[in-house]
PDB file of all heavy atoms in Angstrom:
ATOM      1  N   SER A   1      40.626 -11.663   8.190  1.00  0.00           N
ATOM      2  CA  SER A   1      42.084 -11.654   8.358  1.00  0.00           C
ATOM      3  C   SER A   1      42.618 -13.079   8.429  1.00  0.00           C
ATOM      4  O   SER A   1      43.668 -13.384   7.857  1.00  0.00           O
ATOM      5  CB  SER A   1      42.478 -10.880   9.620  1.00  0.00           C
ATOM      6  OG  SER A   1      42.093  -9.528   9.518  1.00  0.00           O
ATOM      7  N   ALA A   2      41.889 -13.952   9.113  1.00  0.00           N
ATOM      8  CA  ALA A   2      42.317 -15.351   9.225  1.00  0.00           C
ATOM      9  C   ALA A   2      42.403 -15.986   7.839  1.00  0.00           C
ATOM     10  O   ALA A   2      43.400 -16.650   7.517  1.00  0.00           O
ATOM     11  CB  ALA A   2      41.353 -16.131  10.124  1.00  0.00           C
ATOM     12  N   ARG A   3      41.388 -15.778   7.014  1.00  0.00           N
ATOM     13  CA  ARG A   3      41.420 -16.334   5.651  1.00  0.00           C
ATOM     14  C   ARG A   3      42.597 -15.763   4.860  1.00  0.00           C
ATOM     15  O   ARG A   3      43.309 -16.498   4.180  1.00  0.00           O
ATOM     16  CB  ARG A   3      40.109 -16.046   4.919  1.00  0.00           C
ATOM     17  CG  ARG A   3      38.991 -16.987   5.285  1.00  0.00           C
ATOM     18  CD  ARG A   3      37.818 -16.889   4.327  1.00  0.00           C
ATOM     19  NE  ARG A   3      37.339 -15.536   4.100  1.00  0.00           N
ATOM     20  CZ  ARG A   3      36.442 -14.905   4.842  1.00  0.00           C
ATOM     21  NH1 ARG A   3      35.914 -15.518   5.885  1.00  0.00           N
ATOM     22  NH2 ARG A   3      36.056 -13.680   4.557  1.00  0.00           N
ATOM     23  N   THR A   4      42.804 -14.455   4.946  1.00  0.00           N
ATOM     24  CA  THR A   4      43.889 -13.810   4.210  1.00  0.00           C
ATOM     25  C   THR A   4      45.246 -14.363   4.610  1.00  0.00           C
ATOM     26  O   THR A   4      46.128 -14.545   3.778  1.00  0.00           O
ATOM     27  CB  THR A   4      43.860 -12.278   4.442  1.00  0.00           C
ATOM     28  OG1 THR A   4      42.617 -11.768   3.951  1.00  0.00           O
ATOM     29  CG2 THR A   4      45.014 -11.585   3.745  1.00  0.00           C
ATOM     30  N   HIS A   5      45.415 -14.659   5.904  1.00  0.00           N
ATOM     31  CA  HIS A   5      46.700 -15.138   6.418  1.00  0.00           C
ATOM     32  C   HIS A   5      46.821 -16.661   6.412  1.00  0.00           C
ATOM     33  O   HIS A   5      47.713 -17.221   7.058  1.00  0.00           O
ATOM     34  CB  HIS A   5      46.937 -14.612   7.833  1.00  0.00           C
ATOM     35  CG  HIS A   5      47.217 -13.139   7.894  1.00  0.00           C
ATOM     36  ND1 HIS A   5      48.374 -12.584   7.394  1.00  0.00           N
ATOM     37  CD2 HIS A   5      46.493 -12.118   8.403  1.00  0.00           C
ATOM     38  CE1 HIS A   5      48.346 -11.276   7.587  1.00  0.00           C
ATOM     39  NE2 HIS A   5      47.217 -10.972   8.202  1.00  0.00           N
ATOM     40  N   GLY A   6      45.931 -17.339   5.701  1.00  0.00           N
ATOM     41  CA  GLY A   6      46.048 -18.789   5.552  1.00  0.00           C
ATOM     42  C   GLY A   6      45.474 -19.612   6.691  1.00  0.00           C
ATOM     43  O   GLY A   6      45.833 -20.776   6.843  1.00  0.00           O
ATOM     44  N   LEU A   7      44.591 -19.024   7.480  1.00  0.00           N
ATOM     45  CA  LEU A   7      43.965 -19.752   8.590  1.00  0.00           C
ATOM     46  C   LEU A   7      42.475 -19.948   8.305  1.00  0.00           C
ATOM     47  O   LEU A   7      41.617 -19.681   9.146  1.00  0.00           O
ATOM     48  CB  LEU A   7      44.145 -18.992   9.905  1.00  0.00           C
ATOM     49  CG  LEU A   7      45.574 -18.726  10.367  1.00  0.00           C
ATOM     50  CD1 LEU A   7      45.570 -17.949  11.680  1.00  0.00           C
ATOM     51  CD2 LEU A   7      46.348 -20.017  10.509  1.00  0.00           C
ATOM     52  N   ALA A   8      42.168 -20.442   7.119  1.00  0.00           N
ATOM     53  CA  ALA A   8      40.775 -20.603   6.709  1.00  0.00           C
ATOM     54  C   ALA A   8      40.003 -21.560   7.609  1.00  0.00           C
ATOM     55  O   ALA A   8      38.774 -21.489   7.690  1.00  0.00           O
ATOM     56  CB  ALA A   8      40.709 -21.073   5.258  1.00  0.00           C
ATOM     57  N   SER A   9      40.698 -22.442   8.313  1.00  0.00           N
ATOM     58  CA  SER A   9      39.993 -23.390   9.184  1.00  0.00           C
ATOM     59  C   SER A   9      39.505 -22.739  10.483  1.00  0.00           C
ATOM     60  O   SER A   9      38.730 -23.351  11.220  1.00  0.00           O
ATOM     61  CB  SER A   9      40.875 -24.597   9.496  1.00  0.00           C
ATOM     62  OG  SER A   9      41.985 -24.202  10.278  1.00  0.00           O
ATOM     63  N   VAL A  10      39.930 -21.513  10.776  1.00  0.00           N
ATOM     64  CA  VAL A  10      39.423 -20.789  11.947  1.00  0.00           C
ATOM     65  C   VAL A  10      38.078 -20.199  11.531  1.00  0.00           C
ATOM     66  O   VAL A  10      38.017 -19.178  10.839  1.00  0.00           O
ATOM     67  CB  VAL A  10      40.402 -19.689  12.418  1.00  0.00           C
ATOM     68  CG1 VAL A  10      39.819 -18.915  13.586  1.00  0.00           C
ATOM     69  CG2 VAL A  10      41.739 -20.304  12.796  1.00  0.00           C
ATOM     70  N   GLN A  11      36.995 -20.877  11.949  1.00  0.00           N
ATOM     71  CA  GLN A  11      35.667 -20.497  11.476  1.00  0.00           C
ATOM     72  C   GLN A  11      34.642 -20.312  12.572  1.00  0.00           C
ATOM     73  O   GLN A  11      33.527 -19.881  12.314  1.00  0.00           O
ATOM     74  CB  GLN A  11      35.144 -21.567  10.501  1.00  0.00           C
ATOM     75  CG  GLN A  11      35.988 -21.688   9.279  1.00  0.00           C
ATOM     76  CD  GLN A  11      35.447 -22.736   8.322  1.00  0.00           C
ATOM     77  OE1 GLN A  11      34.431 -23.376   8.572  1.00  0.00           O
ATOM     78  NE2 GLN A  11      36.136 -22.911   7.220  1.00  0.00           N
ATOM     79  N   ARG A  12      34.990 -20.659  13.805  1.00  0.00           N
ATOM     80  CA  ARG A  12      34.037 -20.497  14.905  1.00  0.00           C
ATOM     81  C   ARG A  12      34.557 -19.462  15.875  1.00  0.00           C
ATOM     82  O   ARG A  12      35.752 -19.351  16.097  1.00  0.00           O
ATOM     83  CB  ARG A  12      33.827 -21.812  15.666  1.00  0.00           C
ATOM     84  CG  ARG A  12      33.080 -22.849  14.897  1.00  0.00           C
ATOM     85  CD  ARG A  12      32.573 -24.000  15.772  1.00  0.00           C
ATOM     86  NE  ARG A  12      33.556 -24.554  16.684  1.00  0.00           N
ATOM     87  CZ  ARG A  12      33.262 -25.011  17.899  1.00  0.00           C
ATOM     88  NH1 ARG A  12      32.034 -24.956  18.368  1.00  0.00           N
ATOM     89  NH2 ARG A  12      34.197 -25.533  18.658  1.00  0.00           N
ATOM     90  N   GLY A  13      33.628 -18.719  16.479  1.00  0.00           N
ATOM     91  CA  GLY A  13      34.034 -17.748  17.473  1.00  0.00           C
ATOM     92  C   GLY A  13      32.839 -17.119  18.157  1.00  0.00           C
ATOM     93  O   GLY A  13      31.709 -17.217  17.689  1.00  0.00           O
ATOM     94  N   VAL A  14      33.118 -16.481  19.274  1.00  0.00           N
ATOM     95  CA  VAL A  14      32.117 -15.752  20.035  1.00  0.00           C
ATOM     96  C   VAL A  14      32.696 -14.373  20.321  1.00  0.00           C
ATOM     97  O   VAL A  14      33.827 -14.249  20.804  1.00  0.00           O
ATOM     98  CB  VAL A  14      31.787 -16.470  21.369  1.00  0.00           C
ATOM     99  CG1 VAL A  14      30.837 -15.637  22.208  1.00  0.00           C
ATOM    100  CG2 VAL A  14      31.208 -17.840  21.099  1.00  0.00           C
ATOM    101  N   PHE A  15      31.905 -13.347  20.017  1.00  0.00           N
ATOM    102  CA  PHE A  15      32.314 -11.962  20.238  1.00  0.00           C
ATOM    103  C   PHE A  15      31.257 -11.331  21.140  1.00  0.00           C
ATOM    104  O   PHE A  15      30.111 -11.158  20.738  1.00  0.00           O
ATOM    105  CB  PHE A  15      32.447 -11.238  18.898  1.00  0.00           C
ATOM    106  CG  PHE A  15      33.510 -11.857  18.040  1.00  0.00           C
ATOM    107  CD1 PHE A  15      33.226 -12.943  17.229  1.00  0.00           C
ATOM    108  CD2 PHE A  15      34.807 -11.389  18.096  1.00  0.00           C
ATOM    109  CE1 PHE A  15      34.213 -13.548  16.474  1.00  0.00           C
ATOM    110  CE2 PHE A  15      35.804 -11.988  17.342  1.00  0.00           C
ATOM    111  CZ  PHE A  15      35.509 -13.069  16.531  1.00  0.00           C
ATOM    112  N   THR A  16      31.639 -11.018  22.376  1.00  0.00           N
ATOM    113  CA  THR A  16      30.673 -10.680  23.423  1.00  0.00           C
ATOM    114  C   THR A  16      30.425  -9.187  23.612  1.00  0.00           C
ATOM    115  O   THR A  16      29.663  -8.817  24.501  1.00  0.00           O
ATOM    116  CB  THR A  16      31.138 -11.267  24.766  1.00  0.00           C
ATOM    117  OG1 THR A  16      32.362 -10.629  25.154  1.00  0.00           O
ATOM    118  CG2 THR A  16      31.313 -12.774  24.676  1.00  0.00           C
ATOM    119  N   GLN A  17      31.061  -8.348  22.838  1.00  0.00           N
ATOM    120  CA  GLN A  17      30.894  -6.897  22.909  1.00  0.00           C
ATOM    121  C   GLN A  17      31.081  -6.369  24.333  1.00  0.00           C
ATOM    122  O   GLN A  17      30.264  -5.663  24.875  1.00  0.00           O
ATOM    123  CB  GLN A  17      29.546  -6.477  22.336  1.00  0.00           C
ATOM    124  CG  GLN A  17      29.505  -5.024  21.958  1.00  0.00           C
ATOM    125  CD  GLN A  17      28.469  -4.738  20.878  1.00  0.00           C
ATOM    126  OE1 GLN A  17      27.892  -5.635  20.275  1.00  0.00           O
ATOM    127  NE2 GLN A  17      28.259  -3.478  20.627  1.00  0.00           N
ATOM    128  N   GLY A  18      32.185  -6.775  24.937  1.00  0.00           N
ATOM    129  CA  GLY A  18      32.569  -6.274  26.245  1.00  0.00           C
ATOM    130  C   GLY A  18      32.237  -7.184  27.411  1.00  0.00           C
ATOM    131  O   GLY A  18      32.827  -7.064  28.482  1.00  0.00           O
ATOM    132  N   ALA A  19      31.309  -8.093  27.245  1.00  0.00           N
ATOM    133  CA  ALA A  19      30.938  -9.000  28.342  1.00  0.00           C
ATOM    134  C   ALA A  19      32.003 -10.089  28.506  1.00  0.00           C
ATOM    135  O   ALA A  19      32.742 -10.399  27.575  1.00  0.00           O
ATOM    136  CB  ALA A  19      29.583  -9.645  28.062  1.00  0.00           C
ATOM    137  N   GLU A  20      32.058 -10.655  29.693  1.00  0.00           N
ATOM    138  CA  GLU A  20      33.019 -11.737  29.948  1.00  0.00           C
ATOM    139  C   GLU A  20      32.724 -12.911  29.023  1.00  0.00           C
ATOM    140  O   GLU A  20      31.588 -13.388  28.962  1.00  0.00           O
ATOM    141  CB  GLU A  20      32.948 -12.179  31.407  1.00  0.00           C
ATOM    142  CG  GLU A  20      33.498 -11.143  32.357  1.00  0.00           C
ATOM    143  CD  GLU A  20      33.545 -11.650  33.784  1.00  0.00           C
ATOM    144  OE1 GLU A  20      33.010 -12.743  34.067  1.00  0.00           O
ATOM    145  OE2 GLU A  20      34.131 -10.952  34.615  1.00  0.00           O
ATOM    146  N   PRO A  21      33.729 -13.390  28.316  1.00  0.00           N
ATOM    147  CA  PRO A  21      33.498 -14.455  27.338  1.00  0.00           C
ATOM    148  C   PRO A  21      33.591 -15.874  27.894  1.00  0.00           C
ATOM    149  O   PRO A  21      33.275 -16.830  27.198  1.00  0.00           O
ATOM    150  CB  PRO A  21      34.626 -14.219  26.326  1.00  0.00           C
ATOM    151  CG  PRO A  21      35.730 -13.648  27.145  1.00  0.00           C
ATOM    152  CD  PRO A  21      35.067 -12.811  28.218  1.00  0.00           C
ATOM    153  N   PHE A  22      33.960 -16.021  29.157  1.00  0.00           N
ATOM    154  CA  PHE A  22      34.320 -17.341  29.682  1.00  0.00           C
ATOM    155  C   PHE A  22      33.170 -18.327  29.754  1.00  0.00           C
ATOM    156  O   PHE A  22      33.376 -19.529  29.725  1.00  0.00           O
ATOM    157  CB  PHE A  22      34.994 -17.198  31.045  1.00  0.00           C
ATOM    158  CG  PHE A  22      36.090 -16.177  31.006  1.00  0.00           C
ATOM    159  CD1 PHE A  22      35.950 -14.975  31.641  1.00  0.00           C
ATOM    160  CD2 PHE A  22      37.234 -16.411  30.268  1.00  0.00           C
ATOM    161  CE1 PHE A  22      36.949 -14.012  31.572  1.00  0.00           C
ATOM    162  CE2 PHE A  22      38.233 -15.464  30.180  1.00  0.00           C
ATOM    163  CZ  PHE A  22      38.087 -14.264  30.831  1.00  0.00           C
ATOM    164  N   ARG A  23      31.939 -17.819  29.835  1.00  0.00           N
ATOM    165  CA  ARG A  23      30.804 -18.745  29.895  1.00  0.00           C
ATOM    166  C   ARG A  23      30.641 -19.539  28.597  1.00  0.00           C
ATOM    167  O   ARG A  23      29.889 -20.501  28.543  1.00  0.00           O
ATOM    168  CB  ARG A  23      29.531 -17.994  30.233  1.00  0.00           C
ATOM    169  CG  ARG A  23      29.092 -17.036  29.159  1.00  0.00           C
ATOM    170  CD  ARG A  23      27.817 -16.338  29.547  1.00  0.00           C
ATOM    171  NE  ARG A  23      27.450 -15.421  28.480  1.00  0.00           N
ATOM    172  CZ  ARG A  23      26.739 -14.358  28.650  1.00  0.00           C
ATOM    173  NH1 ARG A  23      26.304 -14.044  29.842  1.00  0.00           N
ATOM    174  NH2 ARG A  23      26.431 -13.586  27.642  1.00  0.00           N
ATOM    175  N   TYR A  24      31.365 -19.148  27.561  1.00  0.00           N
ATOM    176  CA  TYR A  24      31.284 -19.845  26.272  1.00  0.00           C
ATOM    177  C   TYR A  24      32.352 -20.920  26.111  1.00  0.00           C
ATOM    178  O   TYR A  24      32.347 -21.654  25.123  1.00  0.00           O
ATOM    179  CB  TYR A  24      31.376 -18.845  25.121  1.00  0.00           C
ATOM    180  CG  TYR A  24      30.213 -17.874  25.112  1.00  0.00           C
ATOM    181  CD1 TYR A  24      30.345 -16.602  25.657  1.00  0.00           C
ATOM    182  CD2 TYR A  24      28.980 -18.249  24.591  1.00  0.00           C
ATOM    183  CE1 TYR A  24      29.280 -15.717  25.664  1.00  0.00           C
ATOM    184  CE2 TYR A  24      27.911 -17.376  24.601  1.00  0.00           C
ATOM    185  CZ  TYR A  24      28.063 -16.106  25.131  1.00  0.00           C
ATOM    186  OH  TYR A  24      26.995 -15.240  25.148  1.00  0.00           O
ATOM    187  N   LEU A  25      33.270 -21.027  27.043  1.00  0.00           N
ATOM    188  CA  LEU A  25      34.321 -22.045  26.916  1.00  0.00           C
ATOM    189  C   LEU A  25      33.735 -23.451  26.840  1.00  0.00           C
ATOM    190  O   LEU A  25      34.117 -24.244  25.979  1.00  0.00           O
ATOM    191  CB  LEU A  25      35.316 -21.939  28.075  1.00  0.00           C
ATOM    192  CG  LEU A  25      36.292 -20.762  27.996  1.00  0.00           C
ATOM    193  CD1 LEU A  25      37.004 -20.566  29.325  1.00  0.00           C
ATOM    194  CD2 LEU A  25      37.280 -20.955  26.867  1.00  0.00           C
ATOM    195  N   ARG A  26      32.808 -23.761  27.715  1.00  0.00           N
ATOM    196  CA  ARG A  26      32.208 -25.101  27.727  1.00  0.00           C
ATOM    197  C   ARG A  26      31.391 -25.358  26.461  1.00  0.00           C
ATOM    198  O   ARG A  26      31.571 -26.380  25.811  1.00  0.00           O
ATOM    199  CB  ARG A  26      31.374 -25.311  28.992  1.00  0.00           C
ATOM    200  CG  ARG A  26      30.989 -26.768  29.208  1.00  0.00           C
ATOM    201  CD  ARG A  26      30.367 -27.077  30.557  1.00  0.00           C
ATOM    202  NE  ARG A  26      30.816 -26.408  31.751  1.00  0.00           N
ATOM    203  CZ  ARG A  26      31.973 -26.548  32.406  1.00  0.00           C
ATOM    204  NH1 ARG A  26      32.816 -27.310  32.008  1.00  0.00           N
ATOM    205  NH2 ARG A  26      32.281 -25.906  33.485  1.00  0.00           N
ATOM    206  N   PRO A  27      30.466 -24.459  26.062  1.00  0.00           N
ATOM    207  CA  PRO A  27      29.706 -24.719  24.838  1.00  0.00           C
ATOM    208  C   PRO A  27      30.587 -24.844  23.578  1.00  0.00           C
ATOM    209  O   PRO A  27      30.243 -25.580  22.658  1.00  0.00           O
ATOM    210  CB  PRO A  27      28.768 -23.512  24.712  1.00  0.00           C
ATOM    211  CG  PRO A  27      28.641 -22.988  26.089  1.00  0.00           C
ATOM    212  CD  PRO A  27      29.955 -23.277  26.766  1.00  0.00           C
ATOM    213  N   LEU A  28      31.710 -24.144  23.554  1.00  0.00           N
ATOM    214  CA  LEU A  28      32.619 -24.264  22.416  1.00  0.00           C
ATOM    215  C   LEU A  28      33.414 -25.565  22.445  1.00  0.00           C
ATOM    216  O   LEU A  28      34.062 -25.925  21.472  1.00  0.00           O
ATOM    217  CB  LEU A  28      33.593 -23.081  22.377  1.00  0.00           C
ATOM    218  CG  LEU A  28      32.997 -21.738  21.957  1.00  0.00           C
ATOM    219  CD1 LEU A  28      33.995 -20.608  22.212  1.00  0.00           C
ATOM    220  CD2 LEU A  28      32.576 -21.762  20.500  1.00  0.00           C
ATOM    221  N   GLY A  29      33.379 -26.252  23.584  1.00  0.00           N
ATOM    222  CA  GLY A  29      34.147 -27.489  23.722  1.00  0.00           C
ATOM    223  C   GLY A  29      35.630 -27.227  23.901  1.00  0.00           C
ATOM    224  O   GLY A  29      36.459 -28.083  23.584  1.00  0.00           O
ATOM    225  N   ALA A  30      35.980 -26.058  24.425  1.00  0.00           N
ATOM    226  CA  ALA A  30      37.393 -25.663  24.548  1.00  0.00           C
ATOM    227  C   ALA A  30      38.112 -26.479  25.618  1.00  0.00           C
ATOM    228  O   ALA A  30      37.587 -26.699  26.705  1.00  0.00           O
ATOM    229  CB  ALA A  30      37.497 -24.181  24.868  1.00  0.00           C
ATOM    230  N   HIS A  31      39.304 -26.908  25.283  1.00  0.00           N
ATOM    231  CA  HIS A  31      40.176 -27.601  26.228  1.00  0.00           C
ATOM    232  C   HIS A  31      41.227 -26.659  26.806  1.00  0.00           C
ATOM    233  O   HIS A  31      41.827 -26.954  27.837  1.00  0.00           O
ATOM    234  CB  HIS A  31      40.907 -28.759  25.533  1.00  0.00           C
ATOM    235  CG  HIS A  31      39.986 -29.788  24.992  1.00  0.00           C
ATOM    236  ND1 HIS A  31      39.735 -29.938  23.652  1.00  0.00           N
ATOM    237  CD2 HIS A  31      39.228 -30.707  25.630  1.00  0.00           C
ATOM    238  CE1 HIS A  31      38.872 -30.923  23.476  1.00  0.00           C
ATOM    239  NE2 HIS A  31      38.552 -31.401  24.658  1.00  0.00           N
ATOM    240  N   LEU A  32      41.462 -25.535  26.118  1.00  0.00           N
ATOM    241  CA  LEU A  32      42.504 -24.589  26.523  1.00  0.00           C
ATOM    242  C   LEU A  32      42.121 -23.202  26.048  1.00  0.00           C
ATOM    243  O   LEU A  32      41.625 -23.044  24.927  1.00  0.00           O
ATOM    244  CB  LEU A  32      43.853 -24.994  25.903  1.00  0.00           C
ATOM    245  CG  LEU A  32      45.056 -24.084  26.143  1.00  0.00           C
ATOM    246  CD1 LEU A  32      45.407 -24.025  27.634  1.00  0.00           C
ATOM    247  CD2 LEU A  32      46.251 -24.582  25.331  1.00  0.00           C
ATOM    248  N   PHE A  33      42.332 -22.202  26.905  1.00  0.00           N
ATOM    249  CA  PHE A  33      42.100 -20.805  26.547  1.00  0.00           C
ATOM    250  C   PHE A  33      43.435 -20.091  26.539  1.00  0.00           C
ATOM    251  O   PHE A  33      44.187 -20.152  27.514  1.00  0.00           O
ATOM    252  CB  PHE A  33      41.138 -20.145  27.539  1.00  0.00           C
ATOM    253  CG  PHE A  33      40.972 -18.663  27.329  1.00  0.00           C
ATOM    254  CD1 PHE A  33      40.439 -18.167  26.147  1.00  0.00           C
ATOM    255  CD2 PHE A  33      41.350 -17.771  28.318  1.00  0.00           C
ATOM    256  CE1 PHE A  33      40.293 -16.798  25.954  1.00  0.00           C
ATOM    257  CE2 PHE A  33      41.191 -16.401  28.142  1.00  0.00           C
ATOM    258  CZ  PHE A  33      40.663 -15.912  26.954  1.00  0.00           C
ATOM    259  N   LEU A  34      43.749 -19.393  25.435  1.00  0.00           N
ATOM    260  CA  LEU A  34      44.987 -18.635  25.302  1.00  0.00           C
ATOM    261  C   LEU A  34      44.674 -17.160  25.126  1.00  0.00           C
ATOM    262  O   LEU A  34      43.793 -16.797  24.335  1.00  0.00           O
ATOM    263  CB  LEU A  34      45.789 -19.115  24.093  1.00  0.00           C
ATOM    264  CG  LEU A  34      46.230 -20.569  24.093  1.00  0.00           C
ATOM    265  CD1 LEU A  34      46.887 -20.915  22.758  1.00  0.00           C
ATOM    266  CD2 LEU A  34      47.173 -20.840  25.258  1.00  0.00           C
ATOM    267  N   SER A  35      45.396 -16.318  25.840  1.00  0.00           N
ATOM    268  CA  SER A  35      45.189 -14.875  25.732  1.00  0.00           C
ATOM    269  C   SER A  35      46.479 -14.154  26.082  1.00  0.00           C
ATOM    270  O   SER A  35      47.300 -14.664  26.846  1.00  0.00           O
ATOM    271  CB  SER A  35      44.079 -14.436  26.692  1.00  0.00           C
ATOM    272  OG  SER A  35      43.920 -13.028  26.662  1.00  0.00           O
ATOM    273  N   ALA A  36      46.647 -12.972  25.535  1.00  0.00           N
ATOM    274  CA  ALA A  36      47.765 -12.118  25.914  1.00  0.00           C
ATOM    275  C   ALA A  36      47.417 -11.302  27.155  1.00  0.00           C
ATOM    276  O   ALA A  36      48.271 -10.641  27.734  1.00  0.00           O
ATOM    277  CB  ALA A  36      48.139 -11.186  24.753  1.00  0.00           C
ATOM    278  N   ASN A  37      46.160 -11.368  27.590  1.00  0.00           N
ATOM    279  CA  ASN A  37      45.682 -10.612  28.743  1.00  0.00           C
ATOM    280  C   ASN A  37      45.737 -11.488  29.995  1.00  0.00           C
ATOM    281  O   ASN A  37      44.965 -12.437  30.133  1.00  0.00           O
ATOM    282  CB  ASN A  37      44.248 -10.133  28.466  1.00  0.00           C
ATOM    283  CG  ASN A  37      43.699  -9.271  29.568  1.00  0.00           C
ATOM    284  OD1 ASN A  37      43.788  -9.607  30.740  1.00  0.00           O
ATOM    285  ND2 ASN A  37      43.109  -8.157  29.194  1.00  0.00           N
ATOM    286  N   GLY A  38      46.643 -11.159  30.886  1.00  0.00           N
ATOM    287  CA  GLY A  38      46.838 -11.945  32.100  1.00  0.00           C
ATOM    288  C   GLY A  38      45.611 -12.011  32.987  1.00  0.00           C
ATOM    289  O   GLY A  38      45.331 -13.046  33.596  1.00  0.00           O
ATOM    290  N   ALA A  39      44.843 -10.924  33.067  1.00  0.00           N
ATOM    291  CA  ALA A  39      43.642 -10.912  33.904  1.00  0.00           C
ATOM    292  C   ALA A  39      42.589 -11.883  33.364  1.00  0.00           C
ATOM    293  O   ALA A  39      41.935 -12.593  34.139  1.00  0.00           O
ATOM    294  CB  ALA A  39      43.069  -9.498  33.982  1.00  0.00           C
ATOM    295  N   ASP A  40      42.449 -11.932  32.050  1.00  0.00           N
ATOM    296  CA  ASP A  40      41.487 -12.871  31.459  1.00  0.00           C
ATOM    297  C   ASP A  40      41.907 -14.316  31.723  1.00  0.00           C
ATOM    298  O   ASP A  40      41.072 -15.178  32.004  1.00  0.00           O
ATOM    299  CB  ASP A  40      41.348 -12.636  29.959  1.00  0.00           C
ATOM    300  CG  ASP A  40      40.473 -11.431  29.634  1.00  0.00           C
ATOM    301  OD1 ASP A  40      39.898 -10.832  30.558  1.00  0.00           O
ATOM    302  OD2 ASP A  40      40.366 -11.094  28.442  1.00  0.00           O
ATOM    303  N   VAL A  41      43.196 -14.576  31.622  1.00  0.00           N
ATOM    304  CA  VAL A  41      43.703 -15.922  31.897  1.00  0.00           C
ATOM    305  C   VAL A  41      43.431 -16.293  33.353  1.00  0.00           C
ATOM    306  O   VAL A  41      42.961 -17.395  33.638  1.00  0.00           O
ATOM    307  CB  VAL A  41      45.206 -16.024  31.563  1.00  0.00           C
ATOM    308  CG1 VAL A  41      45.807 -17.312  32.098  1.00  0.00           C
ATOM    309  CG2 VAL A  41      45.414 -15.922  30.049  1.00  0.00           C
ATOM    310  N   SER A  42      43.682 -15.374  34.268  1.00  0.00           N
ATOM    311  CA  SER A  42      43.425 -15.637  35.691  1.00  0.00           C
ATOM    312  C   SER A  42      41.956 -15.935  35.944  1.00  0.00           C
ATOM    313  O   SER A  42      41.624 -16.835  36.728  1.00  0.00           O
ATOM    314  CB  SER A  42      43.860 -14.438  36.537  1.00  0.00           C
ATOM    315  OG  SER A  42      45.257 -14.296  36.481  1.00  0.00           O
ATOM    316  N   GLU A  43      41.056 -15.189  35.283  1.00  0.00           N
ATOM    317  CA  GLU A  43      39.620 -15.430  35.460  1.00  0.00           C
ATOM    318  C   GLU A  43      39.231 -16.816  34.957  1.00  0.00           C
ATOM    319  O   GLU A  43      38.461 -17.525  35.602  1.00  0.00           O
ATOM    320  CB  GLU A  43      38.805 -14.374  34.718  1.00  0.00           C
ATOM    321  CG  GLU A  43      38.707 -13.062  35.458  1.00  0.00           C
ATOM    322  CD  GLU A  43      37.703 -12.126  34.812  1.00  0.00           C
ATOM    323  OE1 GLU A  43      36.529 -12.529  34.636  1.00  0.00           O
ATOM    324  OE2 GLU A  43      38.101 -11.003  34.486  1.00  0.00           O
ATOM    325  N   ALA A  44      39.755 -17.191  33.789  1.00  0.00           N
ATOM    326  CA  ALA A  44      39.436 -18.516  33.241  1.00  0.00           C
ATOM    327  C   ALA A  44      39.948 -19.616  34.169  1.00  0.00           C
ATOM    328  O   ALA A  44      39.245 -20.602  34.425  1.00  0.00           O
ATOM    329  CB  ALA A  44      40.024 -18.670  31.839  1.00  0.00           C
ATOM    330  N   LEU A  45      41.140 -19.441  34.691  1.00  0.00           N
ATOM    331  CA  LEU A  45      41.699 -20.426  35.621  1.00  0.00           C
ATOM    332  C   LEU A  45      40.854 -20.528  36.884  1.00  0.00           C
ATOM    333  O   LEU A  45      40.598 -21.628  37.378  1.00  0.00           O
ATOM    334  CB  LEU A  45      43.145 -20.065  35.975  1.00  0.00           C
ATOM    335  CG  LEU A  45      44.184 -20.273  34.885  1.00  0.00           C
ATOM    336  CD1 LEU A  45      45.508 -19.618  35.269  1.00  0.00           C
ATOM    337  CD2 LEU A  45      44.376 -21.752  34.597  1.00  0.00           C
ATOM    338  N   ALA A  46      40.405 -19.382  37.401  1.00  0.00           N
ATOM    339  CA  ALA A  46      39.581 -19.376  38.612  1.00  0.00           C
ATOM    340  C   ALA A  46      38.252 -20.098  38.383  1.00  0.00           C
ATOM    341  O   ALA A  46      37.675 -20.655  39.317  1.00  0.00           O
ATOM    342  CB  ALA A  46      39.322 -17.935  39.065  1.00  0.00           C
ATOM    343  N   MET A  47      37.796 -20.114  37.143  1.00  0.00           N
ATOM    344  CA  MET A  47      36.554 -20.806  36.812  1.00  0.00           C
ATOM    345  C   MET A  47      36.788 -22.289  36.513  1.00  0.00           C
ATOM    346  O   MET A  47      35.864 -23.015  36.186  1.00  0.00           O
ATOM    347  CB  MET A  47      35.886 -20.137  35.621  1.00  0.00           C
ATOM    348  CG  MET A  47      35.397 -18.724  35.928  1.00  0.00           C
ATOM    349  SD  MET A  47      34.738 -17.890  34.470  1.00  0.00           S
ATOM    350  CE  MET A  47      33.249 -18.830  34.196  1.00  0.00           C
TER     351      MET A  47
END
């Protein structure tokens, strides 16, 4: 979908099949996490 919509540079990701994804923020080198899910945002902030 990213390629179809002109976001070909979006090429990295982690899909955890239900597990909490936050342990991957550091290995991905993320500076900011964005989500529409308020609970996920709160968990990332708490970490």
